[in-house]
Amino acid sequence: MTLAFLLTSLVVVATPGTGARYTVATGLAHGTRASVLASLGCTIGIVPAMLAAVTGLAAILHN
């Protein structure tokens, strides 16, 4: 593992994604309750993509 790879990985992991930005923006504009609902919505939105990835990987590993 090179130093460049390590630094690049650190930047990618430390940078907030769109869900975090949306949650913070919603919280600042509309308050705590809206922020909690936004984070819940972002989390629920990830579930179908996660399930597709898991089932696709399971199908590949099964063959």
C-alpha atoms as a PDB file:
ATOM      1  CA  MET A   1       0.000   0.000   0.000  1.00  0.00           C
ATOM      2  CA  THR A   2       1.503   3.264  -1.093  1.00  0.00           C
ATOM      3  CA  LEU A   3       1.273   6.567   0.718  1.00  0.00           C
ATOM      4  CA  ALA A   4      -0.647   8.091  -2.202  1.00  0.00           C
ATOM      5  CA  PHE A   5      -3.264   5.338  -2.019  1.00  0.00           C
ATOM      6  CA  LEU A   6      -3.579   5.752   1.733  1.00  0.00           C
ATOM      7  CA  LEU A   7      -4.040   9.527   1.496  1.00  0.00           C
ATOM      8  CA  THR A   8      -6.549   9.218  -1.344  1.00  0.00           C
ATOM      9  CA  SER A   9      -8.539   6.628   0.593  1.00  0.00           C
ATOM     10  CA  LEU A  10      -8.549   8.857   3.659  1.00  0.00           C
ATOM     11  CA  VAL A  11      -9.906  11.804   1.663  1.00  0.00           C
ATOM     12  CA  VAL A  12     -12.641   9.676   0.078  1.00  0.00           C
ATOM     13  CA  VAL A  13     -13.734   8.223   3.416  1.00  0.00           C
ATOM     14  CA  ALA A  14     -13.600  11.538   5.291  1.00  0.00           C
ATOM     15  CA  THR A  15     -15.600  13.487   2.683  1.00  0.00           C
ATOM     16  CA  PRO A  16     -19.314  13.579   3.507  1.00  0.00           C
ATOM     17  CA  GLY A  17     -21.597  12.165   0.867  1.00  0.00           C
ATOM     18  CA  THR A  18     -24.782  13.550  -0.585  1.00  0.00           C
ATOM     19  CA  GLY A  19     -26.911  12.016   2.155  1.00  0.00           C
ATOM     20  CA  ALA A  20     -24.951  13.752   4.882  1.00  0.00           C
ATOM     21  CA  ARG A  21     -25.044  17.061   3.044  1.00  0.00           C
ATOM     22  CA  TYR A  22     -28.793  16.762   2.476  1.00  0.00           C
ATOM     23  CA  THR A  23     -29.413  15.893   6.121  1.00  0.00           C
ATOM     24  CA  VAL A  24     -27.367  18.834   7.395  1.00  0.00           C
ATOM     25  CA  ALA A  25     -28.981  21.263   4.947  1.00  0.00           C
ATOM     26  CA  THR A  26     -32.458  20.055   5.878  1.00  0.00           C
ATOM     27  CA  GLY A  27     -31.657  20.311   9.557  1.00  0.00           C
ATOM     28  CA  LEU A  28     -30.382  23.859   9.211  1.00  0.00           C
ATOM     29  CA  ALA A  29     -33.365  24.953   7.142  1.00  0.00           C
ATOM     30  CA  HIS A  30     -36.197  23.094   8.882  1.00  0.00           C
ATOM     31  CA  GLY A  31     -35.040  21.901  12.289  1.00  0.00           C
ATOM     32  CA  THR A  32     -34.165  18.722  14.123  1.00  0.00           C
ATOM     33  CA  ARG A  33     -37.283  16.704  13.282  1.00  0.00           C
ATOM     34  CA  ALA A  34     -36.837  17.306   9.551  1.00  0.00           C
ATOM     35  CA  SER A  35     -33.178  16.380   9.842  1.00  0.00           C
ATOM     36  CA  VAL A  36     -34.026  13.059  11.491  1.00  0.00           C
ATOM     37  CA  LEU A  37     -36.630  12.334   8.818  1.00  0.00           C
ATOM     38  CA  ALA A  38     -34.131  13.233   6.082  1.00  0.00           C
ATOM     39  CA  SER A  39     -31.534  10.865   7.500  1.00  0.00           C
ATOM     40  CA  LEU A  40     -34.156   8.122   7.770  1.00  0.00           C
ATOM     41  CA  GLY A  41     -35.183   8.733   4.159  1.00  0.00           C
ATOM     42  CA  CYS A  42     -31.588   8.583   2.964  1.00  0.00           C
ATOM     43  CA  THR A  43     -31.048   5.340   4.850  1.00  0.00           C
ATOM     44  CA  ILE A  44     -34.217   3.753   3.465  1.00  0.00           C
ATOM     45  CA  GLY A  45     -33.187   4.880  -0.015  1.00  0.00           C
ATOM     46  CA  ILE A  46     -29.935   2.942   0.239  1.00  0.00           C
ATOM     47  CA  VAL A  47     -31.632  -0.363   1.104  1.00  0.00           C
ATOM     48  CA  PRO A  48     -32.794  -1.339  -2.450  1.00  0.00           C
ATOM     49  CA  ALA A  49     -29.338  -0.694  -3.887  1.00  0.00           C
ATOM     50  CA  MET A  50     -27.752  -2.657  -1.064  1.00  0.00           C
ATOM     51  CA  LEU A  51     -30.127  -5.591  -1.576  1.00  0.00           C
ATOM     52  CA  ALA A  52     -29.438  -5.583  -5.311  1.00  0.00           C
ATOM     53  CA  ALA A  53     -25.710  -5.642  -4.660  1.00  0.00           C
ATOM     54  CA  VAL A  54     -25.999  -8.439  -2.103  1.00  0.00           C
ATOM     55  CA  THR A  55     -28.244 -10.635  -4.268  1.00  0.00           C
ATOM     56  CA  GLY A  56     -26.093 -10.018  -7.327  1.00  0.00           C
ATOM     57  CA  LEU A  57     -22.996 -11.021  -5.425  1.00  0.00           C
ATOM     58  CA  ALA A  58     -24.790 -14.078  -4.062  1.00  0.00           C
ATOM     59  CA  ALA A  59     -25.793 -15.097  -7.600  1.00  0.00           C
ATOM     60  CA  ILE A  60     -22.230 -14.725  -8.841  1.00  0.00           C
ATOM     61  CA  LEU A  61     -20.811 -16.706  -5.933  1.00  0.00           C
ATOM     62  CA  HIS A  62     -23.436 -19.443  -6.324  1.00  0.00           C
ATOM     63  CA  ASN A  63     -22.287 -20.322  -9.845  1.00  0.00           C
END
